[in-house]
Amino acid sequence: MTCLPFKNAKPDATIDLFCLTYAGGSSAVYRDWDRLFPAWISVRPIEYPGRGTRMGEALQDDPDRLAQDIVSTLAPHLTRPVAIFGHSLGAALGYRMTLLLQQKTPPLAFFPSGRHSPDCEDPAPQRAHLSDDDLLAEVRSLNGSPSEVLENRELMALLLPIIRNDFRMSEAIRAEPDARRITCPIHAFGGSHDPEVPPQGIAQWQNVAADVFSSTMFDGDHFFLHHTQHVQAIAARVADVLMPLVSAQADTRRRA
């Protein structure tokens, strides 16, 4: 099954922005983003197996294999320039996808969000081993899910295995002191009050940037991207970063 669950609403866009979600999330997190971005950027949410539109598939807890599977599935869709945005676990997967893609079809930019740099130890506590009740309490403390969802026992019975799987995948990712560098520009996003990722963890993405590095910090917690005003700001900043890169690539192609 495809990892692109939604129809491309902007077939004439200049660039595709592939978006990867956090632990326990689905492509629905980015469902409304496309309308907040300019017409020349098409937001393409990625669906991981075992949830959302891919609920019938087995979960995957190996980050390298999942990144490879996504890149392989996307291959027929790479018909125009691309960029990658990933939040939390999605940033770790996006980093791996960018490394794979830059071997043949380099993204124009990579946008990690709410995640420490690959060369840093994960400051977040270990959660995958917790009991269901304790894991639910941890999820509640992160302030990323509506209370009506957390209080729905049938729904949480469906979601907790997904959340646990994704925490296990995230916790399997170890710091790499000599982490491979990203050859395209990196712009990182973070929340100034994020208990999971301190501002220093966002700034240290520059350690894996072979090109330009920049960042934006929002007045928010780990799930700052759930607030429309922050998504609007993300859209504006992504467009600011991509515009000169798209123009430069177009100029290069015209001269070729």
Protein backbone atom coordinates (compact mmCIF):
# COMPACT_ATOMS: atom_id res chain seq x y z
CA MET A 1 0.00 0.00 0.00
CA THR A 2 1.21 3.52 -0.73
CA CYS A 3 2.73 5.68 1.98
CA LEU A 4 1.02 8.70 0.38
CA PRO A 5 -2.59 8.43 1.60
CA PHE A 6 -3.94 11.70 0.24
CA LYS A 7 -4.47 12.83 -3.33
CA ASN A 8 -2.00 15.44 -4.54
CA ALA A 9 -4.12 18.60 -4.37
CA LYS A 10 -1.46 20.71 -6.11
CA PRO A 11 -0.41 18.88 -9.29
CA ASP A 12 1.15 22.07 -10.67
CA ALA A 13 3.24 22.85 -7.58
CA THR A 14 6.98 23.37 -7.97
CA ILE A 15 8.10 21.22 -5.04
CA ASP A 16 6.80 18.41 -2.84
CA LEU A 17 7.26 18.70 0.94
CA PHE A 18 7.12 15.20 2.41
CA CYS A 19 6.04 15.32 6.07
CA LEU A 20 6.75 12.65 8.68
CA THR A 21 4.89 12.43 11.96
CA TYR A 22 5.81 11.83 15.59
CA ALA A 23 5.55 8.63 17.67
CA GLY A 24 1.97 7.36 17.72
CA GLY A 25 0.90 9.83 15.04
CA SER A 26 -0.50 9.33 11.56
CA SER A 27 -0.59 11.26 8.31
CA ALA A 28 -3.74 12.99 9.59
CA VAL A 29 -1.49 15.30 11.65
CA TYR A 30 -0.63 17.10 8.39
CA ARG A 31 -4.00 16.78 6.65
CA ASP A 32 -4.78 20.52 6.87
CA TRP A 33 -1.28 21.85 6.29
CA ASP A 34 -1.45 22.09 2.51
CA ARG A 35 -3.92 24.98 2.53
CA LEU A 36 -1.59 27.00 4.77
CA PHE A 37 1.34 26.72 2.36
CA PRO A 38 1.76 28.70 -0.87
CA ALA A 39 0.48 27.18 -4.11
CA TRP A 40 3.98 26.26 -5.29
CA ILE A 41 4.58 23.94 -2.29
CA SER A 42 2.60 20.69 -2.14
CA VAL A 43 2.46 19.18 1.37
CA ARG A 44 2.58 15.38 1.08
CA PRO A 45 1.98 13.60 4.43
CA ILE A 46 3.67 10.21 4.82
CA GLU A 47 1.78 7.30 6.41
CA TYR A 48 3.80 4.75 8.42
CA PRO A 49 2.61 1.11 8.37
CA GLY A 50 0.25 -0.13 11.06
CA ARG A 51 -1.87 3.00 11.48
CA GLY A 52 -4.25 5.36 9.71
CA THR A 53 -4.79 4.32 6.11
CA ARG A 54 -2.27 1.46 6.59
CA MET A 55 -3.85 -0.01 9.72
CA GLY A 56 -3.94 -3.51 8.22
CA GLU A 57 -0.15 -3.66 7.83
CA ALA A 58 2.39 -4.77 10.42
CA LEU A 59 4.09 -2.11 12.53
CA GLN A 60 7.76 -1.43 11.83
CA ASP A 61 10.16 -0.65 14.70
CA ASP A 62 13.45 -0.52 12.78
CA PRO A 63 14.09 3.15 11.84
CA ASP A 64 16.61 2.39 9.10
CA ARG A 65 14.40 -0.18 7.44
CA LEU A 66 11.35 2.08 7.66
CA ALA A 67 13.27 4.98 6.10
CA GLN A 68 14.48 2.70 3.29
CA ASP A 69 10.96 1.36 2.71
CA ILE A 70 9.53 4.89 2.48
CA VAL A 71 12.23 6.03 0.07
CA SER A 72 11.66 2.97 -2.13
CA THR A 73 7.90 3.54 -2.14
CA LEU A 74 8.34 7.21 -2.99
CA ALA A 75 10.67 6.55 -5.94
CA PRO A 76 7.93 6.68 -8.64
CA HIS A 77 6.63 9.94 -7.16
CA LEU A 78 9.92 11.85 -7.25
CA THR A 79 9.03 13.75 -10.42
CA ARG A 80 9.87 17.23 -9.16
CA PRO A 81 12.11 18.78 -6.48
CA VAL A 82 11.47 17.63 -2.92
CA ALA A 83 12.08 18.74 0.66
CA ILE A 84 11.52 16.82 3.89
CA PHE A 85 9.89 17.90 7.16
CA GLY A 86 9.78 15.61 10.18
CA HIS A 87 8.64 16.17 13.76
CA SER A 88 10.13 14.26 16.72
CA LEU A 89 10.47 10.62 15.57
CA GLY A 90 9.67 11.94 12.09
CA ALA A 91 12.81 14.09 12.20
CA ALA A 92 14.96 11.02 12.95
CA LEU A 93 13.33 9.20 10.04
CA GLY A 94 13.61 12.29 7.84
CA TYR A 95 17.35 12.47 8.56
CA ARG A 96 17.74 8.87 7.37
CA MET A 97 15.59 9.49 4.30
CA THR A 98 17.60 12.57 3.40
CA LEU A 99 20.86 10.61 3.64
CA LEU A 100 19.43 7.97 1.31
CA LEU A 101 17.98 10.45 -1.17
CA GLN A 102 21.08 12.65 -1.36
CA GLN A 103 22.95 9.76 -2.99
CA LYS A 104 20.94 10.21 -6.21
CA THR A 105 18.18 12.83 -5.94
CA PRO A 106 19.13 15.22 -3.11
CA PRO A 107 16.29 17.08 -1.40
CA LEU A 108 16.50 20.86 -1.65
CA ALA A 109 16.25 21.17 2.15
CA PHE A 110 15.62 19.21 5.32
CA PHE A 111 13.43 20.57 8.15
CA PRO A 112 13.84 18.64 11.44
CA SER A 113 11.43 19.64 14.19
CA GLY A 114 11.11 18.79 17.88
CA ARG A 115 14.04 16.33 17.84
CA HIS A 116 17.62 16.38 19.08
CA SER A 117 20.49 16.16 16.61
CA PRO A 118 21.63 12.63 15.61
CA ASP A 119 25.01 13.15 17.30
CA CYS A 120 23.36 13.80 20.70
CA GLU A 121 22.00 11.39 23.27
CA ASP A 122 18.19 11.38 23.48
CA PRO A 123 17.26 13.51 26.52
CA ALA A 124 13.74 12.03 26.67
CA PRO A 125 13.00 9.30 29.23
CA GLN A 126 12.61 5.64 28.18
CA ARG A 127 8.93 4.77 27.83
CA ALA A 128 8.48 1.69 25.66
CA HIS A 129 8.85 -0.69 28.64
CA LEU A 130 6.11 0.94 30.73
CA SER A 131 2.80 -0.68 31.62
CA ASP A 132 -0.24 0.47 29.65
CA ASP A 133 -1.41 2.68 32.52
CA ASP A 134 2.01 4.29 32.98
CA LEU A 135 2.48 4.72 29.24
CA LEU A 136 -0.92 6.41 29.01
CA ALA A 137 0.08 8.75 31.85
CA GLU A 138 3.26 9.65 29.97
CA VAL A 139 1.33 10.35 26.77
CA ARG A 140 -1.06 12.54 28.74
CA SER A 141 1.85 14.49 30.26
CA LEU A 142 3.21 15.31 26.81
CA ASN A 143 0.06 17.32 26.04
CA GLY A 144 -0.15 16.05 22.50
CA SER A 145 -3.54 14.29 22.46
CA PRO A 146 -7.05 15.58 23.21
CA SER A 147 -8.49 14.42 26.55
CA GLU A 148 -11.47 12.83 24.80
CA VAL A 149 -9.06 10.56 22.93
CA LEU A 150 -7.07 9.65 26.04
CA GLU A 151 -10.26 8.85 27.96
CA ASN A 152 -11.68 6.59 25.25
CA ARG A 153 -10.59 3.13 26.44
CA GLU A 154 -11.47 1.33 23.20
CA LEU A 155 -9.58 3.84 21.10
CA MET A 156 -6.55 3.81 23.40
CA ALA A 157 -6.51 0.00 23.31
CA LEU A 158 -5.98 0.43 19.56
CA LEU A 159 -3.47 3.28 19.82
CA LEU A 160 -1.24 2.21 22.72
CA PRO A 161 0.46 -0.62 20.78
CA ILE A 162 1.29 1.90 18.03
CA ILE A 163 2.63 4.42 20.53
CA ARG A 164 4.69 1.74 22.30
CA ASN A 165 6.10 0.51 18.99
CA ASP A 166 7.13 4.01 17.99
CA PHE A 167 8.74 4.77 21.35
CA ARG A 168 10.66 1.51 20.98
CA MET A 169 11.81 2.60 17.53
CA SER A 170 12.84 6.03 18.80
CA GLU A 171 14.69 4.57 21.79
CA ALA A 172 16.62 2.22 19.51
CA ILE A 173 18.26 5.22 17.85
CA ARG A 174 21.60 5.84 19.52
CA ALA A 175 23.77 8.93 19.38
CA GLU A 176 26.29 8.88 16.55
CA PRO A 177 29.30 11.10 17.46
CA ASP A 178 30.39 10.96 13.81
CA ALA A 179 26.91 11.16 12.32
CA ARG A 180 26.84 11.53 8.55
CA ARG A 181 26.29 15.03 7.25
CA ILE A 182 23.35 16.35 5.28
CA THR A 183 24.48 18.05 2.08
CA CYS A 184 21.41 20.25 1.62
CA PRO A 185 20.45 23.21 3.86
CA ILE A 186 18.93 22.33 7.24
CA HIS A 187 16.41 24.53 9.04
CA ALA A 188 15.36 23.18 12.44
CA PHE A 189 12.25 24.03 14.46
CA GLY A 190 11.79 23.71 18.21
CA GLY A 191 9.62 24.69 21.16
CA SER A 192 11.25 26.89 23.78
CA HIS A 193 9.37 25.04 26.56
CA ASP A 194 9.78 21.53 25.16
CA PRO A 195 10.68 19.18 28.03
CA GLU A 196 11.76 16.53 25.52
CA VAL A 197 14.21 18.60 23.48
CA PRO A 198 16.00 21.62 24.99
CA PRO A 199 16.98 24.48 22.65
CA GLN A 200 20.57 23.23 22.64
CA GLY A 201 19.40 19.95 21.10
CA ILE A 202 17.81 21.89 18.24
CA ALA A 203 20.90 24.07 17.74
CA GLN A 204 23.14 21.01 17.53
CA TRP A 205 21.59 20.00 14.21
CA GLN A 206 24.27 22.30 12.81
CA ASN A 207 26.74 19.51 13.67
CA VAL A 208 25.36 17.39 10.81
CA ALA A 209 24.92 20.27 8.35
CA ALA A 210 27.44 20.29 5.51
CA ASP A 211 25.58 23.25 4.01
CA VAL A 212 23.70 26.17 5.57
CA PHE A 213 22.07 25.71 8.98
CA SER A 214 19.39 27.91 10.55
CA SER A 215 16.64 27.44 13.12
CA THR A 216 13.38 28.85 14.50
CA MET A 217 12.18 28.50 18.08
CA PHE A 218 8.51 28.85 19.02
CA ASP A 219 6.96 29.77 22.34
CA GLY A 220 5.52 26.32 22.94
CA ASP A 221 6.01 22.77 24.18
CA HIS A 222 6.82 19.57 22.28
CA PHE A 223 3.62 19.78 20.26
CA PHE A 224 3.86 23.39 19.13
CA LEU A 225 2.93 22.22 15.62
CA HIS A 226 -0.64 21.54 16.84
CA HIS A 227 -1.28 25.30 16.95
CA THR A 228 -2.40 26.97 13.74
CA GLN A 229 -0.40 30.15 14.31
CA HIS A 230 2.79 28.09 14.59
CA VAL A 231 1.96 26.07 11.48
CA GLN A 232 1.43 29.33 9.60
CA ALA A 233 4.85 30.48 10.81
CA ILE A 234 6.39 27.15 9.80
CA ALA A 235 4.84 27.48 6.34
CA ALA A 236 6.24 30.99 5.93
CA ARG A 237 9.72 29.98 7.09
CA VAL A 238 9.79 26.87 4.91
CA ALA A 239 8.80 29.00 1.92
CA ASP A 240 11.53 31.55 2.74
CA VAL A 241 14.13 28.78 2.84
CA LEU A 242 12.93 26.99 -0.30
CA MET A 243 12.27 29.95 -2.61
CA PRO A 244 15.91 30.80 -3.43
CA LEU A 245 16.79 27.09 -3.66
CA VAL A 246 13.98 26.41 -6.13
CA SER A 247 15.00 29.47 -8.18
CA ALA A 248 18.66 28.46 -8.21
CA GLN A 249 17.82 24.93 -9.32
CA ALA A 250 15.59 26.25 -12.10
CA ASP A 251 18.37 28.55 -13.29
CA THR A 252 20.83 25.67 -13.32
CA ARG A 253 18.48 23.54 -15.39
CA ARG A 254 17.90 26.35 -17.89
CA ARG A 255 21.66 26.74 -18.40
CA ALA A 256 22.20 22.99 -18.77
